[in-house]
PDB file of N, CA and C in Angstrom:
ATOM      1  N   UNK A   1      52.654  34.049   1.943  1.00  0.00           N
ATOM      2  CA  UNK A   1      53.230  33.332   3.087  1.00  0.00           C
ATOM      3  C   UNK A   1      54.301  33.946   3.902  1.00  0.00           C
ATOM      4  N   UNK A   2      54.326  34.437   5.166  1.00  0.00           N
ATOM      5  CA  UNK A   2      55.097  34.785   5.674  1.00  0.00           C
ATOM      6  C   UNK A   2      56.040  33.809   6.548  1.00  0.00           C
ATOM      7  N   UNK A   3      57.254  33.716   6.100  1.00  0.00           N
ATOM      8  CA  UNK A   3      58.299  32.995   6.358  1.00  0.00           C
ATOM      9  C   UNK A   3      59.023  33.229   7.511  1.00  0.00           C
ATOM     10  N   UNK A   4      58.994  34.347   7.971  1.00  0.00           N
ATOM     11  CA  UNK A   4      59.766  34.808   8.823  1.00  0.00           C
ATOM     12  C   UNK A   4      58.759  34.524  10.776  1.00  0.00           C
ATOM     13  N   UNK A   5      57.863  34.136  10.400  1.00  0.00           N
ATOM     14  CA  UNK A   5      57.369  33.705  11.402  1.00  0.00           C
ATOM     15  C   UNK A   5      56.970  32.434  11.683  1.00  0.00           C
ATOM     16  N   UNK A   6      57.165  31.619  10.656  1.00  0.00           N
ATOM     17  CA  UNK A   6      57.082  30.164  11.012  1.00  0.00           C
ATOM     18  C   UNK A   6      58.138  29.509  11.475  1.00  0.00           C
ATOM     19  N   UNK A   7      57.836  28.664  12.538  1.00  0.00           N
ATOM     20  CA  UNK A   7      59.238  27.966  13.081  1.00  0.00           C
ATOM     21  C   UNK A   7      59.712  27.071  12.224  1.00  0.00           C
ATOM     22  N   UNK A   8      61.159  26.709  12.322  1.00  0.00           N
ATOM     23  CA  UNK A   8      62.022  26.089  11.632  1.00  0.00           C
ATOM     24  C   UNK A   8      61.420  24.679  12.088  1.00  0.00           C
ATOM     25  N   UNK A   9      60.873  23.393  11.074  1.00  0.00           N
ATOM     26  CA  UNK A   9      60.792  22.344  11.945  1.00  0.00           C
ATOM     27  C   UNK A   9      61.529  21.434  10.380  1.00  0.00           C
ATOM     28  N   UNK A  10      61.530  20.138  11.232  1.00  0.00           N
ATOM     29  CA  UNK A  10      62.341  19.010  10.750  1.00  0.00           C
ATOM     30  C   UNK A  10      60.917  18.299   9.408  1.00  0.00           C
ATOM     31  N   UNK A  11      61.341  17.859   8.455  1.00  0.00           N
ATOM     32  CA  UNK A  11      60.580  17.018   7.949  1.00  0.00           C
ATOM     33  C   UNK A  11      60.222  15.792   8.686  1.00  0.00           C
ATOM     34  N   UNK A  12      59.197  15.175   8.128  1.00  0.00           N
ATOM     35  CA  UNK A  12      58.981  13.650   8.819  1.00  0.00           C
ATOM     36  C   UNK A  12      60.110  12.675   8.507  1.00  0.00           C
ATOM     37  N   UNK A  13      60.799  12.481   7.249  1.00  0.00           N
ATOM     38  CA  UNK A  13      61.605  11.483   6.639  1.00  0.00           C
ATOM     39  C   UNK A  13      63.000  11.943   7.598  1.00  0.00           C
ATOM     40  N   UNK A  14      63.126  13.304   7.689  1.00  0.00           N
ATOM     41  CA  UNK A  14      64.816  13.666   8.629  1.00  0.00           C
ATOM     42  C   UNK A  14      64.383  13.568   9.717  1.00  0.00           C
ATOM     43  N   UNK A  15      63.276  13.780  10.488  1.00  0.00           N
ATOM     44  CA  UNK A  15      62.882  13.543  11.664  1.00  0.00           C
ATOM     45  C   UNK A  15      63.163  12.068  12.218  1.00  0.00           C
ATOM     46  N   UNK A  16      62.541  11.314  11.530  1.00  0.00           N
ATOM     47  CA  UNK A  16      62.713   9.753  11.772  1.00  0.00           C
ATOM     48  C   UNK A  16      64.005   9.236  11.431  1.00  0.00           C
ATOM     49  N   UNK A  17      64.658   9.743  10.532  1.00  0.00           N
ATOM     50  CA  UNK A  17      66.157   9.346  10.242  1.00  0.00           C
ATOM     51  C   UNK A  17      67.022  10.079  11.801  1.00  0.00           C
ATOM     52  N   UNK A  18      66.864  10.694  12.112  1.00  0.00           N
ATOM     53  CA  UNK A  18      67.315  11.686  13.321  1.00  0.00           C
ATOM     54  C   UNK A  18      67.337  10.812  14.378  1.00  0.00           C
ATOM     55  N   UNK A  19      65.775  10.488  14.607  1.00  0.00           N
ATOM     56  CA  UNK A  19      65.371   9.456  15.963  1.00  0.00           C
ATOM     57  C   UNK A  19      65.760   8.117  15.434  1.00  0.00           C
ATOM     58  N   UNK A  20      66.066   7.470  14.506  1.00  0.00           N
ATOM     59  CA  UNK A  20      66.542   6.502  14.250  1.00  0.00           C
ATOM     60  C   UNK A  20      67.735   6.350  14.678  1.00  0.00           C
ATOM     61  N   UNK A  21      68.879   7.282  14.364  1.00  0.00           N
ATOM     62  CA  UNK A  21      70.000   7.524  14.496  1.00  0.00           C
ATOM     63  C   UNK A  21      70.418   7.573  16.169  1.00  0.00           C
ATOM     64  N   UNK A  22      69.931   8.113  16.728  1.00  0.00           N
ATOM     65  CA  UNK A  22      69.870   8.519  18.261  1.00  0.00           C
ATOM     66  C   UNK A  22      69.463   7.323  18.907  1.00  0.00           C
ATOM     67  N   UNK A  23      68.240   6.725  18.627  1.00  0.00           N
ATOM     68  CA  UNK A  23      67.995   5.565  19.410  1.00  0.00           C
ATOM     69  C   UNK A  23      68.824   4.346  19.287  1.00  0.00           C
ATOM     70  N   UNK A  24      69.393   4.260  17.924  1.00  0.00           N
ATOM     71  CA  UNK A  24      70.393   2.728  17.450  1.00  0.00           C
ATOM     72  C   UNK A  24      71.956   3.186  18.318  1.00  0.00           C
ATOM     73  N   UNK A  25      72.054   4.417  18.916  1.00  0.00           N
ATOM     74  CA  UNK A  25      73.301   4.754  19.207  1.00  0.00           C
ATOM     75  C   UNK A  25      73.582   3.728  20.551  1.00  0.00           C
ATOM     76  N   UNK A  26      74.490   2.761  20.530  1.00  0.00           N
ATOM     77  CA  UNK A  26      74.698   1.904  21.683  1.00  0.00           C
ATOM     78  C   UNK A  26      75.462   2.443  22.773  1.00  0.00           C
ATOM     79  N   UNK A  27      76.253   3.659  22.405  1.00  0.00           N
ATOM     80  CA  UNK A  27      76.698   4.254  23.664  1.00  0.00           C
ATOM     81  C   UNK A  27      75.845   4.694  24.842  1.00  0.00           C
ATOM     82  N   UNK A  28      76.373   4.251  25.846  1.00  0.00           N
ATOM     83  CA  UNK A  28      75.663   4.867  27.154  1.00  0.00           C
ATOM     84  C   UNK A  28      75.616   6.517  27.421  1.00  0.00           C
ATOM     85  N   UNK A  29      74.877   6.642  27.491  1.00  0.00           N
ATOM     86  CA  UNK A  29      74.761   8.234  27.975  1.00  0.00           C
ATOM     87  C   UNK A  29      75.026   8.486  29.164  1.00  0.00           C
ATOM     88  N   UNK A  30      75.990   9.309  29.766  1.00  0.00           N
ATOM     89  CA  UNK A  30      76.673   9.285  31.156  1.00  0.00           C
ATOM     90  C   UNK A  30      77.168  11.024  30.847  1.00  0.00           C
ATOM     91  N   UNK A  31      76.385  11.777  31.896  1.00  0.00           N
ATOM     92  CA  UNK A  31      76.472  12.977  32.455  1.00  0.00           C
ATOM     93  C   UNK A  31      77.919  13.402  33.018  1.00  0.00           C
ATOM     94  N   UNK A  32      78.521  12.394  33.450  1.00  0.00           N
ATOM     95  CA  UNK A  32      79.651  12.069  34.320  1.00  0.00           C
ATOM     96  C   UNK A  32      81.070  12.843  33.741  1.00  0.00           C
ATOM     97  N   UNK A  33      80.960  12.558  32.336  1.00  0.00           N
ATOM     98  CA  UNK A  33      82.117  12.639  31.519  1.00  0.00           C
ATOM     99  C   UNK A  33      82.073  14.264  31.053  1.00  0.00           C
ATOM    100  N   UNK A  34      80.761  14.681  30.665  1.00  0.00           N
ATOM    101  CA  UNK A  34      80.691  15.938  30.504  1.00  0.00           C
ATOM    102  C   UNK A  34      80.878  17.097  31.907  1.00  0.00           C
ATOM    103  N   UNK A  35      80.570  16.372  32.959  1.00  0.00           N
ATOM    104  CA  UNK A  35      80.946  16.977  34.084  1.00  0.00           C
ATOM    105  C   UNK A  35      82.535  17.274  34.379  1.00  0.00           C
ATOM    106  N   UNK A  36      83.238  16.233  34.205  1.00  0.00           N
ATOM    107  CA  UNK A  36      84.443  15.731  34.373  1.00  0.00           C
ATOM    108  C   UNK A  36      85.386  16.887  33.258  1.00  0.00           C
ATOM    109  N   UNK A  37      84.759  16.800  31.979  1.00  0.00           N
ATOM    110  CA  UNK A  37      85.407  17.716  31.116  1.00  0.00           C
ATOM    111  C   UNK A  37      85.457  19.179  31.269  1.00  0.00           C
ATOM    112  N   UNK A  38      84.473  19.453  31.963  1.00  0.00           N
ATOM    113  CA  UNK A  38      83.830  20.945  32.212  1.00  0.00           C
ATOM    114  C   UNK A  38      84.674  21.329  33.475  1.00  0.00           C
ATOM    115  N   UNK A  39      84.869  20.313  34.189  1.00  0.00           N
ATOM    116  CA  UNK A  39      85.474  20.811  35.555  1.00  0.00           C
ATOM    117  C   UNK A  39      87.231  20.876  35.250  1.00  0.00           C
ATOM    118  N   UNK A  40      87.580  19.913  34.580  1.00  0.00           N
ATOM    119  CA  UNK A  40      88.944  19.892  34.100  1.00  0.00           C
ATOM    120  C   UNK A  40      89.222  21.371  33.341  1.00  0.00           C
ATOM    121  N   UNK A  41      88.377  21.701  32.519  1.00  0.00           N
ATOM    122  CA  UNK A  41      88.424  23.225  31.671  1.00  0.00           C
ATOM    123  C   UNK A  41      88.583  24.134  32.943  1.00  0.00           C
ATOM    124  N   UNK A  42      87.616  24.219  33.674  1.00  0.00           N
ATOM    125  CA  UNK A  42      87.513  25.449  34.641  1.00  0.00           C
ATOM    126  C   UNK A  42      88.905  25.103  35.415  1.00  0.00           C
ATOM    127  N   UNK A  43      89.649  24.063  35.968  1.00  0.00           N
ATOM    128  CA  UNK A  43      90.888  24.101  36.361  1.00  0.00           C
ATOM    129  C   UNK A  43      91.827  24.575  35.946  1.00  0.00           C
ATOM    130  N   UNK A  44      92.085  24.395  34.204  1.00  0.00           N
ATOM    131  CA  UNK A  44      93.136  25.193  33.737  1.00  0.00           C
ATOM    132  C   UNK A  44      92.868  26.097  33.819  1.00  0.00           C
ATOM    133  N   UNK A  45      91.524  26.961  33.569  1.00  0.00           N
ATOM    134  CA  UNK A  45      91.315  28.378  33.662  1.00  0.00           C
ATOM    135  C   UNK A  45      91.559  28.887  34.908  1.00  0.00           C
ATOM    136  N   UNK A  46      91.286  28.335  35.905  1.00  0.00           N
ATOM    137  CA  UNK A  46      91.761  29.040  37.153  1.00  0.00           C
ATOM    138  C   UNK A  46      93.076  29.130  37.651  1.00  0.00           C
ATOM    139  N   UNK A  47      94.192  28.064  36.824  1.00  0.00           N
ATOM    140  CA  UNK A  47      95.193  27.927  37.425  1.00  0.00           C
ATOM    141  C   UNK A  47      96.259  28.806  36.222  1.00  0.00           C
ATOM    142  N   UNK A  48      95.586  29.392  35.259  1.00  0.00           N
ATOM    143  CA  UNK A  48      95.987  29.933  34.167  1.00  0.00           C
ATOM    144  C   UNK A  48      95.829  31.554  34.746  1.00  0.00           C
ATOM    145  N   UNK A  49      94.973  31.745  35.696  1.00  0.00           N
ATOM    146  CA  UNK A  49      94.590  33.153  36.064  1.00  0.00           C
ATOM    147  C   UNK A  49      95.608  33.240  37.411  1.00  0.00           C
ATOM    148  N   UNK A  50      95.738  32.004  38.127  1.00  0.00           N
ATOM    149  CA  UNK A  50      96.633  32.098  39.228  1.00  0.00           C
ATOM    150  C   UNK A  50      98.056  32.305  38.812  1.00  0.00           C
ATOM    151  N   UNK A  51      98.386  31.834  37.769  1.00  0.00           N
ATOM    152  CA  UNK A  51      99.765  32.184  37.092  1.00  0.00           C
ATOM    153  C   UNK A  51      99.977  33.324  36.729  1.00  0.00           C
ATOM    154  N   UNK A  52      98.927  34.036  35.870  1.00  0.00           N
ATOM    155  CA  UNK A  52      98.892  35.065  35.616  1.00  0.00           C
ATOM    156  C   UNK A  52      99.287  36.275  36.910  1.00  0.00           C
ATOM    157  N   UNK A  53      98.266  35.813  37.607  1.00  0.00           N
ATOM    158  CA  UNK A  53      98.164  37.119  38.908  1.00  0.00           C
ATOM    159  C   UNK A  53     100.084  36.878  39.710  1.00  0.00           C
ATOM    160  N   UNK A  54     100.283  35.640  39.945  1.00  0.00           N
ATOM    161  CA  UNK A  54     101.689  35.479  40.479  1.00  0.00           C
ATOM    162  C   UNK A  54     102.698  36.398  39.353  1.00  0.00           C
ATOM    163  N   UNK A  55     102.537  36.179  38.262  1.00  0.00           N
ATOM    164  CA  UNK A  55     103.840  36.479  37.571  1.00  0.00           C
ATOM    165  C   UNK A  55     103.424  38.500  37.647  1.00  0.00           C
ATOM    166  N   UNK A  56     102.004  38.815  37.785  1.00  0.00           N
ATOM    167  CA  UNK A  56     102.553  40.259  37.595  1.00  0.00           C
ATOM    168  C   UNK A  56     102.382  40.807  39.000  1.00  0.00           C
ATOM    169  N   UNK A  57     102.133  40.144  39.928  1.00  0.00           N
ATOM    170  CA  UNK A  57     102.841  40.496  41.744  1.00  0.00           C
ATOM    171  C   UNK A  57     104.110  40.118  41.550  1.00  0.00           C
ATOM    172  N   UNK A  58     105.054  39.248  40.619  1.00  0.00           N
ATOM    173  CA  UNK A  58     106.455  39.129  40.784  1.00  0.00           C
ATOM    174  C   UNK A  58     106.794  40.308  40.183  1.00  0.00           C
ATOM    175  N   UNK A  59     106.409  40.551  38.965  1.00  0.00           N
ATOM    176  CA  UNK A  59     106.736  42.113  38.383  1.00  0.00           C
ATOM    177  C   UNK A  59     106.612  43.273  39.172  1.00  0.00           C
ATOM    178  N   UNK A  60     105.458  43.408  39.705  1.00  0.00           N
ATOM    179  CA  UNK A  60     105.395  44.845  40.764  1.00  0.00           C
ATOM    180  C   UNK A  60     106.567  44.585  41.590  1.00  0.00           C
ATOM    181  N   UNK A  61     106.987  43.409  42.311  1.00  0.00           N
ATOM    182  CA  UNK A  61     107.931  43.469  43.411  1.00  0.00           C
ATOM    183  C   UNK A  61     109.618  43.565  43.014  1.00  0.00           C
ATOM    184  N   UNK A  62     109.579  43.344  41.673  1.00  0.00           N
ATOM    185  CA  UNK A  62     110.845  43.302  41.291  1.00  0.00           C
ATOM    186  C   UNK A  62     111.013  44.860  40.743  1.00  0.00           C
ATOM    187  N   UNK A  63     109.996  45.679  40.361  1.00  0.00           N
ATOM    188  CA  UNK A  63     109.905  47.008  40.150  1.00  0.00           C
ATOM    189  C   UNK A  63     110.085  47.388  41.650  1.00  0.00           C
ATOM    190  N   UNK A  64     109.116  47.330  42.378  1.00  0.00           N
ATOM    191  CA  UNK A  64     109.883  48.017  43.602  1.00  0.00           C
ATOM    192  C   UNK A  64     111.005  47.909  44.257  1.00  0.00           C
ATOM    193  N   UNK A  65     111.928  46.298  43.732  1.00  0.00           N
ATOM    194  CA  UNK A  65     113.135  46.280  44.246  1.00  0.00           C
ATOM    195  C   UNK A  65     113.996  47.208  43.479  1.00  0.00           C
ATOM    196  N   UNK A  66     113.840  47.411  42.321  1.00  0.00           N
ATOM    197  CA  UNK A  66     114.770  48.295  41.656  1.00  0.00           C
ATOM    198  C   UNK A  66     114.620  49.705  41.614  1.00  0.00           C
ATOM    199  N   UNK A  67     113.203  49.965  42.387  1.00  0.00           N
ATOM    200  CA  UNK A  67     112.925  51.401  42.667  1.00  0.00           C
ATOM    201  C   UNK A  67     113.760  51.808  43.920  1.00  0.00           C
ATOM    202  N   UNK A  68     113.551  50.672  44.749  1.00  0.00           N
ATOM    203  CA  UNK A  68     114.569  51.069  46.398  1.00  0.00           C
ATOM    204  C   UNK A  68     116.276  50.848  45.550  1.00  0.00           C
ATOM    205  N   UNK A  69     116.504  50.243  45.035  1.00  0.00           N
ATOM    206  CA  UNK A  69     118.128  50.096  44.767  1.00  0.00           C
ATOM    207  C   UNK A  69     118.280  51.908  44.213  1.00  0.00           C
ATOM    208  N   UNK A  70     117.861  51.895  43.347  1.00  0.00           N
ATOM    209  CA  UNK A  70     118.001  53.226  42.490  1.00  0.00           C
ATOM    210  C   UNK A  70     117.814  54.502  43.512  1.00  0.00           C
ATOM    211  N   UNK A  71     116.649  54.526  44.272  1.00  0.00           N
ATOM    212  CA  UNK A  71     116.121  55.957  44.952  1.00  0.00           C
ATOM    213  C   UNK A  71     116.465  55.708  46.882  1.00  0.00           C
ATOM    214  N   UNK A  72     117.341  54.548  47.142  1.00  0.00           N
ATOM    215  CA  UNK A  72     117.653  54.367  48.258  1.00  0.00           C
ATOM    216  C   UNK A  72     116.643  54.755  49.572  1.00  0.00           C
ATOM    217  N   UNK A  73     115.269  54.221  49.034  1.00  0.00           N
ATOM    218  CA  UNK A  73     114.345  54.670  50.019  1.00  0.00           C
ATOM    219  C   UNK A  73     114.037  52.978  50.238  1.00  0.00           C
ATOM    220  N   UNK A  74     112.775  53.306  51.511  1.00  0.00           N
ATOM    221  CA  UNK A  74     112.370  52.033  51.716  1.00  0.00           C
ATOM    222  C   UNK A  74     110.892  51.991  51.208  1.00  0.00           C
ATOM    223  N   UNK A  75     109.908  51.153  50.991  1.00  0.00           N
ATOM    224  CA  UNK A  75     108.546  50.882  50.585  1.00  0.00           C
ATOM    225  C   UNK A  75     108.016  49.907  51.405  1.00  0.00           C
TER     226      UNK A  75
END
C-alpha cells in the first residue's frame, strides 16, 4: 500500500471528539476581533517603517550638513 498518496484523515473517534469540543465552545465567534488584531499589527508595522524612513532621512540630512560645513559648498 502506498502511504504517500493517501490523504491524512482523522479517525472517527478523534473527529467526533474534535467536533464535540468545537460545538460545545460557548464563546461567540467574531471576526471583528481578528480584523482588529490584524489592523493593529499592520498599523504598528507601518509606523515602524515610517520611523525608519524618518531616521534614514535625518541621517542623510545630517551627513549633507556636515559635508557643507567641511567643504563650504551648497547642496
